[in-house]
PDB file of N, CA and C in Angstrom:
ATOM      1  N   MET A   1       2.050  -9.595  -5.859  1.00  0.00           N
ATOM      2  CA  MET A   1       3.086 -10.251  -5.091  1.00  0.00           C
ATOM      3  C   MET A   1       4.467  -9.908  -5.649  1.00  0.00           C
ATOM      4  N   ILE A   2       4.568  -9.823  -6.966  1.00  0.00           N
ATOM      5  CA  ILE A   2       5.848  -9.470  -7.581  1.00  0.00           C
ATOM      6  C   ILE A   2       6.243  -8.053  -7.185  1.00  0.00           C
ATOM      7  N   THR A   3       5.262  -7.165  -7.108  1.00  0.00           N
ATOM      8  CA  THR A   3       5.550  -5.791  -6.700  1.00  0.00           C
ATOM      9  C   THR A   3       6.084  -5.766  -5.276  1.00  0.00           C
ATOM     10  N   SER A   4       5.475  -6.529  -4.379  1.00  0.00           N
ATOM     11  CA  SER A   4       5.958  -6.593  -2.990  1.00  0.00           C
ATOM     12  C   SER A   4       7.368  -7.153  -2.929  1.00  0.00           C
ATOM     13  N   ALA A   5       7.634  -8.178  -3.724  1.00  0.00           N
ATOM     14  CA  ALA A   5       8.979  -8.766  -3.748  1.00  0.00           C
ATOM     15  C   ALA A   5      10.005  -7.751  -4.252  1.00  0.00           C
ATOM     16  N   THR A   6       9.636  -6.969  -5.251  1.00  0.00           N
ATOM     17  CA  THR A   6      10.531  -5.934  -5.772  1.00  0.00           C
ATOM     18  C   THR A   6      10.797  -4.872  -4.714  1.00  0.00           C
ATOM     19  N   HIS A   7       9.744  -4.435  -4.040  1.00  0.00           N
ATOM     20  CA  HIS A   7       9.913  -3.447  -2.965  1.00  0.00           C
ATOM     21  C   HIS A   7      10.826  -3.988  -1.873  1.00  0.00           C
ATOM     22  N   ARG A   8      10.624  -5.246  -1.500  1.00  0.00           N
ATOM     23  CA  ARG A   8      11.458  -5.848  -0.458  1.00  0.00           C
ATOM     24  C   ARG A   8      12.918  -5.937  -0.885  1.00  0.00           C
ATOM     25  N   THR A   9      13.162  -6.208  -2.143  1.00  0.00           N
ATOM     26  CA  THR A   9      14.540  -6.278  -2.641  1.00  0.00           C
ATOM     27  C   THR A   9      15.211  -4.914  -2.545  1.00  0.00           C
ATOM     28  N   VAL A  10      14.523  -3.885  -3.000  1.00  0.00           N
ATOM     29  CA  VAL A  10      15.077  -2.523  -2.930  1.00  0.00           C
ATOM     30  C   VAL A  10      15.330  -2.136  -1.477  1.00  0.00           C
ATOM     31  N   LEU A  11      14.409  -2.460  -0.600  1.00  0.00           N
ATOM     32  CA  LEU A  11      14.567  -2.116   0.812  1.00  0.00           C
ATOM     33  C   LEU A  11      15.690  -2.907   1.471  1.00  0.00           C
ATOM     34  N   ALA A  12      15.883  -4.155   1.061  1.00  0.00           N
ATOM     35  CA  ALA A  12      16.991  -4.956   1.606  1.00  0.00           C
ATOM     36  C   ALA A  12      18.329  -4.335   1.207  1.00  0.00           C
ATOM     37  N   ILE A  13      18.429  -3.877  -0.015  1.00  0.00           N
ATOM     38  CA  ILE A  13      19.665  -3.210  -0.458  1.00  0.00           C
ATOM     39  C   ILE A  13      19.900  -1.956   0.375  1.00  0.00           C
ATOM     40  N   TYR A  14      18.830  -1.219   0.657  1.00  0.00           N
ATOM     41  CA  TYR A  14      18.942  -0.026   1.494  1.00  0.00           C
ATOM     42  C   TYR A  14      19.470  -0.377   2.891  1.00  0.00           C
ATOM     43  N   VAL A  15      18.934  -1.444   3.485  1.00  0.00           N
ATOM     44  CA  VAL A  15      19.378  -1.845   4.831  1.00  0.00           C
ATOM     45  C   VAL A  15      20.854  -2.251   4.811  1.00  0.00           C
ATOM     46  N   PHE A  16      21.258  -3.028   3.799  1.00  0.00           N
ATOM     47  CA  PHE A  16      22.673  -3.408   3.695  1.00  0.00           C
ATOM     48  C   PHE A  16      23.562  -2.179   3.581  1.00  0.00           C
ATOM     49  N   ASP A  17      23.134  -1.209   2.800  1.00  0.00           N
ATOM     50  CA  ASP A  17      23.897   0.028   2.658  1.00  0.00           C
ATOM     51  C   ASP A  17      23.991   0.760   3.997  1.00  0.00           C
ATOM     52  N   CYS A  18      22.886   0.820   4.724  1.00  0.00           N
ATOM     53  CA  CYS A  18      22.892   1.464   6.052  1.00  0.00           C
ATOM     54  C   CYS A  18      23.859   0.771   7.009  1.00  0.00           C
ATOM     55  N   VAL A  19      23.829  -0.548   7.003  1.00  0.00           N
ATOM     56  CA  VAL A  19      24.701  -1.307   7.900  1.00  0.00           C
ATOM     57  C   VAL A  19      26.166  -1.077   7.551  1.00  0.00           C
ATOM     58  N   ILE A  20      26.498  -1.123   6.271  1.00  0.00           N
ATOM     59  CA  ILE A  20      27.886  -0.894   5.840  1.00  0.00           C
ATOM     60  C   ILE A  20      28.330   0.510   6.234  1.00  0.00           C
ATOM     61  N   CYS A  21      27.476   1.491   5.994  1.00  0.00           N
ATOM     62  CA  CYS A  21      27.823   2.868   6.379  1.00  0.00           C
ATOM     63  C   CYS A  21      27.983   2.992   7.886  1.00  0.00           C
ATOM     64  N   PHE A  22      27.069   2.397   8.627  1.00  0.00           N
ATOM     65  CA  PHE A  22      27.117   2.468  10.083  1.00  0.00           C
ATOM     66  C   PHE A  22      28.398   1.829  10.626  1.00  0.00           C
ATOM     67  N   LEU A  23      28.752   0.654  10.113  1.00  0.00           N
ATOM     68  CA  LEU A  23      29.945  -0.053  10.581  1.00  0.00           C
ATOM     69  C   LEU A  23      31.239   0.679  10.233  1.00  0.00           C
ATOM     70  N   ASN A  24      31.218   1.401   9.124  1.00  0.00           N
ATOM     71  CA  ASN A  24      32.407   2.129   8.686  1.00  0.00           C
ATOM     72  C   ASN A  24      32.376   3.607   9.068  1.00  0.00           C
ATOM     73  N   ARG A  25      31.398   3.972   9.892  1.00  0.00           N
ATOM     74  CA  ARG A  25      31.253   5.348  10.358  1.00  0.00           C
ATOM     75  C   ARG A  25      31.176   6.355   9.205  1.00  0.00           C
ATOM     76  N   ILE A  26      30.430   5.966   8.191  1.00  0.00           N
ATOM     77  CA  ILE A  26      30.185   6.812   7.028  1.00  0.00           C
ATOM     78  C   ILE A  26      28.746   7.317   7.149  1.00  0.00           C
ATOM     79  N   PRO A  27      28.499   8.580   6.849  1.00  0.00           N
ATOM     80  CA  PRO A  27      27.113   9.069   6.923  1.00  0.00           C
ATOM     81  C   PRO A  27      26.196   8.265   5.991  1.00  0.00           C
ATOM     82  N   VAL A  28      25.020   7.993   6.481  1.00  0.00           N
ATOM     83  CA  VAL A  28      24.033   7.251   5.710  1.00  0.00           C
ATOM     84  C   VAL A  28      23.272   8.244   4.843  1.00  0.00           C
ATOM     85  N   PHE A  29      23.120   7.917   3.561  1.00  0.00           N
ATOM     86  CA  PHE A  29      22.353   8.773   2.670  1.00  0.00           C
ATOM     87  C   PHE A  29      20.883   8.730   3.055  1.00  0.00           C
ATOM     88  N   SER A  30      20.207   9.827   2.845  1.00  0.00           N
ATOM     89  CA  SER A  30      18.801   9.903   3.255  1.00  0.00           C
ATOM     90  C   SER A  30      17.884   9.037   2.399  1.00  0.00           C
ATOM     91  N   CYS A  31      18.240   8.784   1.176  1.00  0.00           N
ATOM     92  CA  CYS A  31      17.442   7.950   0.261  1.00  0.00           C
ATOM     93  C   CYS A  31      16.005   8.451   0.145  1.00  0.00           C
ATOM     94  N   ASP A  32      15.845   9.726  -0.120  1.00  0.00           N
ATOM     95  CA  ASP A  32      14.513  10.308  -0.276  1.00  0.00           C
ATOM     96  C   ASP A  32      13.702   9.634  -1.375  1.00  0.00           C
ATOM     97  N   GLU A  33      14.389   8.978  -2.306  1.00  0.00           N
ATOM     98  CA  GLU A  33      13.690   8.292  -3.402  1.00  0.00           C
ATOM     99  C   GLU A  33      12.806   7.163  -2.872  1.00  0.00           C
ATOM    100  N   LEU A  34      13.128   6.655  -1.683  1.00  0.00           N
ATOM    101  CA  LEU A  34      12.361   5.545  -1.114  1.00  0.00           C
ATOM    102  C   LEU A  34      11.101   6.002  -0.382  1.00  0.00           C
ATOM    103  N   ASP A  35      10.938   7.305  -0.198  1.00  0.00           N
ATOM    104  CA  ASP A  35       9.835   7.816   0.610  1.00  0.00           C
ATOM    105  C   ASP A  35       8.458   7.354   0.162  1.00  0.00           C
ATOM    106  N   PHE A  36       8.265   7.128  -1.128  1.00  0.00           N
ATOM    107  CA  PHE A  36       6.937   6.791  -1.625  1.00  0.00           C
ATOM    108  C   PHE A  36       6.739   5.308  -1.897  1.00  0.00           C
ATOM    109  N   ILE A  37       7.766   4.499  -1.597  1.00  0.00           N
ATOM    110  CA  ILE A  37       7.620   3.050  -1.719  1.00  0.00           C
ATOM    111  C   ILE A  37       6.787   2.560  -0.530  1.00  0.00           C
ATOM    112  N   PRO A  38       5.780   1.736  -0.785  1.00  0.00           N
ATOM    113  CA  PRO A  38       5.004   1.205   0.343  1.00  0.00           C
ATOM    114  C   PRO A  38       5.889   0.398   1.288  1.00  0.00           C
ATOM    115  N   ALA A  39       5.632   0.536   2.578  1.00  0.00           N
ATOM    116  CA  ALA A  39       6.327  -0.276   3.573  1.00  0.00           C
ATOM    117  C   ALA A  39       5.943  -1.741   3.337  1.00  0.00           C
ATOM    118  N   PRO A  40       6.782  -2.680   3.766  1.00  0.00           N
ATOM    119  CA  PRO A  40       6.456  -4.099   3.562  1.00  0.00           C
ATOM    120  C   PRO A  40       5.072  -4.447   4.105  1.00  0.00           C
ATOM    121  N   VAL A  41       4.373  -5.294   3.371  1.00  0.00           N
ATOM    122  CA  VAL A  41       3.030  -5.706   3.770  1.00  0.00           C
ATOM    123  C   VAL A  41       3.104  -6.632   4.984  1.00  0.00           C
ATOM    124  N   CYS A  42       1.957  -6.860   5.595  1.00  0.00           N
ATOM    125  CA  CYS A  42       1.902  -7.685   6.805  1.00  0.00           C
ATOM    126  C   CYS A  42       2.252  -9.144   6.514  1.00  0.00           C
ATOM    127  N   ARG A  43       2.570  -9.848   7.565  1.00  0.00           N
ATOM    128  CA  ARG A  43       2.965 -11.263   7.476  1.00  0.00           C
ATOM    129  C   ARG A  43       1.895 -12.110   6.788  1.00  0.00           C
ATOM    130  N   ARG A  44       0.640 -11.957   7.184  1.00  0.00           N
ATOM    131  CA  ARG A  44      -0.427 -12.785   6.619  1.00  0.00           C
ATOM    132  C   ARG A  44      -0.533 -12.611   5.108  1.00  0.00           C
ATOM    133  N   LEU A  45      -0.358 -11.405   4.635  1.00  0.00           N
ATOM    134  CA  LEU A  45      -0.438 -11.154   3.199  1.00  0.00           C
ATOM    135  C   LEU A  45       0.796 -11.691   2.483  1.00  0.00           C
ATOM    136  N   TRP A  46       1.971 -11.454   3.046  1.00  0.00           N
ATOM    137  CA  TRP A  46       3.212 -11.902   2.420  1.00  0.00           C
ATOM    138  C   TRP A  46       3.314 -13.421   2.369  1.00  0.00           C
ATOM    139  N   GLU A  47       2.836 -14.110   3.402  1.00  0.00           N
ATOM    140  CA  GLU A  47       2.989 -15.558   3.484  1.00  0.00           C
ATOM    141  C   GLU A  47       1.801 -16.350   2.947  1.00  0.00           C
ATOM    142  N   ALA A  48       0.820 -15.676   2.365  1.00  0.00           N
ATOM    143  CA  ALA A  48      -0.340 -16.380   1.820  1.00  0.00           C
ATOM    144  C   ALA A  48       0.103 -17.358   0.736  1.00  0.00           C
ATOM    145  N   GLN A  49      -0.361 -18.598   0.826  1.00  0.00           N
ATOM    146  CA  GLN A  49       0.055 -19.660  -0.088  1.00  0.00           C
ATOM    147  C   GLN A  49      -0.843 -19.797  -1.311  1.00  0.00           C
ATOM    148  N   GLU A  50      -2.096 -19.437  -1.173  1.00  0.00           N
ATOM    149  CA  GLU A  50      -3.055 -19.604  -2.264  1.00  0.00           C
ATOM    150  C   GLU A  50      -3.622 -18.249  -2.653  1.00  0.00           C
ATOM    151  N   TYR A  51      -4.022 -18.137  -3.901  1.00  0.00           N
ATOM    152  CA  TYR A  51      -4.546 -16.867  -4.405  1.00  0.00           C
ATOM    153  C   TYR A  51      -5.763 -16.406  -3.616  1.00  0.00           C
ATOM    154  N   GLY A  52      -6.679 -17.319  -3.300  1.00  0.00           N
ATOM    155  CA  GLY A  52      -7.882 -16.952  -2.551  1.00  0.00           C
ATOM    156  C   GLY A  52      -7.546 -16.357  -1.191  1.00  0.00           C
ATOM    157  N   THR A  53      -6.612 -16.988  -0.500  1.00  0.00           N
ATOM    158  CA  THR A  53      -6.172 -16.486   0.803  1.00  0.00           C
ATOM    159  C   THR A  53      -5.510 -15.122   0.647  1.00  0.00           C
ATOM    160  N   TRP A  54      -4.644 -15.014  -0.364  1.00  0.00           N
ATOM    161  CA  TRP A  54      -3.964 -13.743  -0.614  1.00  0.00           C
ATOM    162  C   TRP A  54      -4.968 -12.641  -0.918  1.00  0.00           C
ATOM    163  N   ARG A  55      -5.931 -12.945  -1.761  1.00  0.00           N
ATOM    164  CA  ARG A  55      -6.939 -11.950  -2.152  1.00  0.00           C
ATOM    165  C   ARG A  55      -7.731 -11.473  -0.940  1.00  0.00           C
ATOM    166  N   GLU A  56      -8.128 -12.400  -0.081  1.00  0.00           N
ATOM    167  CA  GLU A  56      -8.866 -12.048   1.138  1.00  0.00           C
ATOM    168  C   GLU A  56      -8.015 -11.159   2.048  1.00  0.00           C
ATOM    169  N   GLU A  57      -6.764 -11.533   2.244  1.00  0.00           N
ATOM    170  CA  GLU A  57      -5.858 -10.735   3.086  1.00  0.00           C
ATOM    171  C   GLU A  57      -5.595  -9.357   2.472  1.00  0.00           C
ATOM    172  N   TYR A  58      -5.503  -9.322   1.149  1.00  0.00           N
ATOM    173  CA  TYR A  58      -5.267  -8.051   0.465  1.00  0.00           C
ATOM    174  C   TYR A  58      -6.444  -7.099   0.662  1.00  0.00           C
ATOM    175  N   VAL A  59      -7.654  -7.599   0.556  1.00  0.00           N
ATOM    176  CA  VAL A  59      -8.850  -6.776   0.792  1.00  0.00           C
ATOM    177  C   VAL A  59      -8.856  -6.277   2.235  1.00  0.00           C
ATOM    178  N   ASN A  60      -8.517  -7.160   3.193  1.00  0.00           N
ATOM    179  CA  ASN A  60      -8.436  -6.750   4.604  1.00  0.00           C
ATOM    180  C   ASN A  60      -7.381  -5.673   4.798  1.00  0.00           C
ATOM    181  N   TRP A  61      -6.230  -5.845   4.133  1.00  0.00           N
ATOM    182  CA  TRP A  61      -5.131  -4.883   4.232  1.00  0.00           C
ATOM    183  C   TRP A  61      -5.566  -3.520   3.693  1.00  0.00           C
ATOM    184  N   LEU A  62      -6.208  -3.500   2.529  1.00  0.00           N
ATOM    185  CA  LEU A  62      -6.678  -2.244   1.947  1.00  0.00           C
ATOM    186  C   LEU A  62      -7.714  -1.567   2.833  1.00  0.00           C
ATOM    187  N   ASN A  63      -8.611  -2.364   3.403  1.00  0.00           N
ATOM    188  CA  ASN A  63      -9.626  -1.794   4.298  1.00  0.00           C
ATOM    189  C   ASN A  63      -8.995  -1.215   5.560  1.00  0.00           C
ATOM    190  N   LYS A  64      -7.997  -1.894   6.081  1.00  0.00           N
ATOM    191  CA  LYS A  64      -7.335  -1.418   7.297  1.00  0.00           C
ATOM    192  C   LYS A  64      -6.699  -0.057   7.075  1.00  0.00           C
ATOM    193  N   TRP A  65      -6.097   0.121   5.908  1.00  0.00           N
ATOM    194  CA  TRP A  65      -5.386   1.376   5.621  1.00  0.00           C
ATOM    195  C   TRP A  65      -6.235   2.377   4.846  1.00  0.00           C
ATOM    196  N   LYS A  66      -7.455   2.015   4.541  1.00  0.00           N
ATOM    197  CA  LYS A  66      -8.394   2.911   3.852  1.00  0.00           C
ATOM    198  C   LYS A  66      -7.770   3.532   2.602  1.00  0.00           C
ATOM    199  N   GLY A  67      -7.041   2.692   1.845  1.00  0.00           N
ATOM    200  CA  GLY A  67      -6.456   3.140   0.589  1.00  0.00           C
ATOM    201  C   GLY A  67      -5.182   3.953   0.729  1.00  0.00           C
ATOM    202  N   ARG A  68      -4.679   4.126   1.935  1.00  0.00           N
ATOM    203  CA  ARG A  68      -3.453   4.907   2.146  1.00  0.00           C
ATOM    204  C   ARG A  68      -2.525   4.150   3.101  1.00  0.00           C
ATOM    205  N   GLU A  69      -1.873   3.110   2.562  1.00  0.00           N
ATOM    206  CA  GLU A  69      -0.982   2.302   3.397  1.00  0.00           C
ATOM    207  C   GLU A  69       0.267   3.094   3.789  1.00  0.00           C
ATOM    208  N   VAL A  70       0.983   2.592   4.765  1.00  0.00           N
ATOM    209  CA  VAL A  70       2.203   3.241   5.240  1.00  0.00           C
ATOM    210  C   VAL A  70       3.257   3.191   4.140  1.00  0.00           C
ATOM    211  N   VAL A  71       3.927   4.317   3.933  1.00  0.00           N
ATOM    212  CA  VAL A  71       5.023   4.378   2.964  1.00  0.00           C
ATOM    213  C   VAL A  71       6.330   4.540   3.718  1.00  0.00           C
ATOM    214  N   MET A  72       7.422   4.239   3.040  1.00  0.00           N
ATOM    215  CA  MET A  72       8.732   4.245   3.688  1.00  0.00           C
ATOM    216  C   MET A  72       9.107   5.619   4.257  1.00  0.00           C
ATOM    217  N   GLY A  73       8.636   6.679   3.663  1.00  0.00           N
ATOM    218  CA  GLY A  73       8.928   8.015   4.190  1.00  0.00           C
ATOM    219  C   GLY A  73       8.479   8.179   5.629  1.00  0.00           C
ATOM    220  N   GLU A  74       7.376   7.510   5.987  1.00  0.00           N
ATOM    221  CA  GLU A  74       6.896   7.584   7.363  1.00  0.00           C
ATOM    222  C   GLU A  74       7.832   6.858   8.313  1.00  0.00           C
ATOM    223  N   LEU A  75       8.490   5.804   7.832  1.00  0.00           N
ATOM    224  CA  LEU A  75       9.441   5.067   8.673  1.00  0.00           C
ATOM    225  C   LEU A  75      10.821   5.716   8.651  1.00  0.00           C
ATOM    226  N   LEU A  76      11.276   6.103   7.460  1.00  0.00           N
ATOM    227  CA  LEU A  76      12.643   6.618   7.305  1.00  0.00           C
ATOM    228  C   LEU A  76      12.833   7.998   7.915  1.00  0.00           C
ATOM    229  N   ASN A  77      11.787   8.801   7.938  1.00  0.00           N
ATOM    230  CA  ASN A  77      11.909  10.157   8.460  1.00  0.00           C
ATOM    231  C   ASN A  77      11.589  10.253   9.935  1.00  0.00           C
ATOM    232  N   GLY A  78      11.331   9.129  10.546  1.00  0.00           N
ATOM    233  CA  GLY A  78      11.017   9.121  11.971  1.00  0.00           C
ATOM    234  C   GLY A  78       9.605   9.619  12.202  1.00  0.00           C
ATOM    235  N   PRO A  79       8.848   8.907  12.987  1.00  0.00           N
ATOM    236  CA  PRO A  79       7.451   9.278  13.222  1.00  0.00           C
ATOM    237  C   PRO A  79       7.341  10.419  14.228  1.00  0.00           C
ATOM    238  N   ALA A  80       7.754  11.615  13.814  1.00  0.00           N
ATOM    239  CA  ALA A  80       7.766  12.762  14.721  1.00  0.00           C
ATOM    240  C   ALA A  80       6.357  13.256  15.037  1.00  0.00           C
ATOM    241  N   LYS A  81       5.476  13.237  14.064  1.00  0.00           N
ATOM    242  CA  LYS A  81       4.114  13.728  14.268  1.00  0.00           C
ATOM    243  C   LYS A  81       3.259  12.613  14.851  1.00  0.00           C
ATOM    244  N   SER A  82       2.291  12.979  15.664  1.00  0.00           N
ATOM    245  CA  SER A  82       1.457  11.956  16.290  1.00  0.00           C
ATOM    246  C   SER A  82       0.697  11.154  15.239  1.00  0.00           C
ATOM    247  N   TYR A  83       0.302  11.800  14.130  1.00  0.00           N
ATOM    248  CA  TYR A  83      -0.407  11.084  13.062  1.00  0.00           C
ATOM    249  C   TYR A  83       0.478   9.975  12.500  1.00  0.00           C
ATOM    250  N   ALA A  84       1.721  10.324  12.168  1.00  0.00           N
ATOM    251  CA  ALA A  84       2.647   9.323  11.622  1.00  0.00           C
ATOM    252  C   ALA A  84       2.964   8.277  12.684  1.00  0.00           C
ATOM    253  N   TYR A  85       3.125   8.705  13.933  1.00  0.00           N
ATOM    254  CA  TYR A  85       3.441   7.764  15.009  1.00  0.00           C
ATOM    255  C   TYR A  85       2.338   6.719  15.148  1.00  0.00           C
ATOM    256  N   ASP A  86       1.081   7.146  15.118  1.00  0.00           N
ATOM    257  CA  ASP A  86      -0.037   6.209  15.229  1.00  0.00           C
ATOM    258  C   ASP A  86      -0.045   5.229  14.062  1.00  0.00           C
ATOM    259  N   ARG A  87       0.239   5.721  12.866  1.00  0.00           N
ATOM    260  CA  ARG A  87       0.268   4.852  11.693  1.00  0.00           C
ATOM    261  C   ARG A  87       1.420   3.855  11.769  1.00  0.00           C
ATOM    262  N   VAL A  88       2.570   4.309  12.218  1.00  0.00           N
ATOM    263  CA  VAL A  88       3.727   3.415  12.343  1.00  0.00           C
ATOM    264  C   VAL A  88       3.457   2.352  13.407  1.00  0.00           C
ATOM    265  N   GLU A  89       2.868   2.737  14.517  1.00  0.00           N
ATOM    266  CA  GLU A  89       2.506   1.765  15.564  1.00  0.00           C
ATOM    267  C   GLU A  89       1.546   0.709  15.015  1.00  0.00           C
ATOM    268  N   LYS A  90       0.564   1.145  14.249  1.00  0.00           N
ATOM    269  CA  LYS A  90      -0.399   0.223  13.646  1.00  0.00           C
ATOM    270  C   LYS A  90       0.305  -0.717  12.668  1.00  0.00           C
ATOM    271  N   TRP A  91       1.232  -0.159  11.867  1.00  0.00           N
ATOM    272  CA  TRP A  91       1.987  -0.976  10.913  1.00  0.00           C
ATOM    273  C   TRP A  91       2.859  -1.989  11.640  1.00  0.00           C
ATOM    274  N   LEU A  92       3.531  -1.563  12.713  1.00  0.00           N
ATOM    275  CA  LEU A  92       4.408  -2.452  13.472  1.00  0.00           C
ATOM    276  C   LEU A  92       3.644  -3.628  14.087  1.00  0.00           C
ATOM    277  N   SER A  93       2.386  -3.422  14.417  1.00  0.00           N
ATOM    278  CA  SER A  93       1.613  -4.504  15.042  1.00  0.00           C
ATOM    279  C   SER A  93       1.415  -5.689  14.097  1.00  0.00           C
ATOM    280  N   ASP A  94       1.532  -5.482  12.786  1.00  0.00           N
ATOM    281  CA  ASP A  94       1.372  -6.558  11.800  1.00  0.00           C
ATOM    282  C   ASP A  94       2.665  -6.911  11.074  1.00  0.00           C
ATOM    283  N   ALA A  95       3.754  -6.232  11.381  1.00  0.00           N
ATOM    284  CA  ALA A  95       4.996  -6.421  10.625  1.00  0.00           C
ATOM    285  C   ALA A  95       5.596  -7.802  10.856  1.00  0.00           C
ATOM    286  N   ASP A  96       6.200  -8.341   9.803  1.00  0.00           N
ATOM    287  CA  ASP A  96       6.941  -9.597   9.923  1.00  0.00           C
ATOM    288  C   ASP A  96       8.400  -9.276  10.229  1.00  0.00           C
ATOM    289  N   GLU A  97       9.247 -10.307  10.217  1.00  0.00           N
ATOM    290  CA  GLU A  97      10.661 -10.107  10.545  1.00  0.00           C
ATOM    291  C   GLU A  97      11.332  -9.134   9.580  1.00  0.00           C
ATOM    292  N   PHE A  98      10.989  -9.214   8.310  1.00  0.00           N
ATOM    293  CA  PHE A  98      11.584  -8.302   7.337  1.00  0.00           C
ATOM    294  C   PHE A  98      11.158  -6.861   7.616  1.00  0.00           C
ATOM    295  N   GLY A  99       9.897  -6.677   7.927  1.00  0.00           N
ATOM    296  CA  GLY A  99       9.420  -5.342   8.285  1.00  0.00           C
ATOM    297  C   GLY A  99      10.145  -4.783   9.494  1.00  0.00           C
ATOM    298  N   MET A 100      10.377  -5.642  10.487  1.00  0.00           N
ATOM    299  CA  MET A 100      11.112  -5.193  11.674  1.00  0.00           C
ATOM    300  C   MET A 100      12.561  -4.843  11.323  1.00  0.00           C
ATOM    301  N   LEU A 101      13.157  -5.608  10.416  1.00  0.00           N
ATOM    302  CA  LEU A 101      14.512  -5.304   9.955  1.00  0.00           C
ATOM    303  C   LEU A 101      14.545  -3.945   9.275  1.00  0.00           C
ATOM    304  N   ILE A 102      13.574  -3.677   8.431  1.00  0.00           N
ATOM    305  CA  ILE A 102      13.487  -2.388   7.743  1.00  0.00           C
ATOM    306  C   ILE A 102      13.307  -1.266   8.756  1.00  0.00           C
ATOM    307  N   PHE A 103      12.451  -1.485   9.739  1.00  0.00           N
ATOM    308  CA  PHE A 103      12.231  -0.460  10.756  1.00  0.00           C
ATOM    309  C   PHE A 103      13.517  -0.201  11.538  1.00  0.00           C
ATOM    310  N   THR A 104      14.246  -1.256  11.882  1.00  0.00           N
ATOM    311  CA  THR A 104      15.521  -1.102  12.582  1.00  0.00           C
ATOM    312  C   THR A 104      16.516  -0.347  11.715  1.00  0.00           C
ATOM    313  N   GLY A 105      16.570  -0.676  10.426  1.00  0.00           N
ATOM    314  CA  GLY A 105      17.450   0.031   9.499  1.00  0.00           C
ATOM    315  C   GLY A 105      17.098   1.502   9.407  1.00  0.00           C
ATOM    316  N   SER A 106      15.792   1.802   9.458  1.00  0.00           N
ATOM    317  CA  SER A 106      15.386   3.204   9.398  1.00  0.00           C
ATOM    318  C   SER A 106      15.826   3.934  10.663  1.00  0.00           C
ATOM    319  N   LEU A 107      15.822   3.254  11.801  1.00  0.00           N
ATOM    320  CA  LEU A 107      16.316   3.884  13.028  1.00  0.00           C
ATOM    321  C   LEU A 107      17.800   4.159  12.946  1.00  0.00           C
ATOM    322  N   LEU A 108      18.563   3.239  12.328  1.00  0.00           N
ATOM    323  CA  LEU A 108      20.006   3.459  12.151  1.00  0.00           C
ATOM    324  C   LEU A 108      20.262   4.694  11.304  1.00  0.00           C
ATOM    325  N   SER A 109      19.481   4.866  10.250  1.00  0.00           N
ATOM    326  CA  SER A 109      19.704   6.013   9.368  1.00  0.00           C
ATOM    327  C   SER A 109      19.342   7.321  10.065  1.00  0.00           C
ATOM    328  N   VAL A 110      18.357   7.300  10.964  1.00  0.00           N
ATOM    329  CA  VAL A 110      17.988   8.495  11.702  1.00  0.00           C
ATOM    330  C   VAL A 110      19.063   8.815  12.738  1.00  0.00           C
ATOM    331  N   GLU A 111      19.629   7.780  13.363  1.00  0.00           N
ATOM    332  CA  GLU A 111      20.628   7.959  14.406  1.00  0.00           C
ATOM    333  C   GLU A 111      21.924   8.550  13.886  1.00  0.00           C
ATOM    334  N   SER A 112      22.359   8.146  12.668  1.00  0.00           N
ATOM    335  CA  SER A 112      23.668   8.574  12.180  1.00  0.00           C
ATOM    336  C   SER A 112      23.633   9.879  11.456  1.00  0.00           C
TER     337      SER A 112
END
């Protein structure tokens, strides 16, 4: 859970930077360093209140992604390939509000 919180903090800083750049018409940096950070986990996993619930959701999450969860590079670089597009669509179906914010921020960086 601490790892997810750390990832979310780094990604929130990235979104704020994108917004500031976008509003000031400054080019957004590509932030290739973020490519290998896992995308935010699903709502059920993030909002789990008890360890048992979290553990069950975590096992479901790992099984869903077969050990290869979506990473930020797939979102930040735009899902141009059908393989990445299918994975991003699957990720979006479980994303919480923060995940949607990150996805929107990634679209801003692709647009500018």
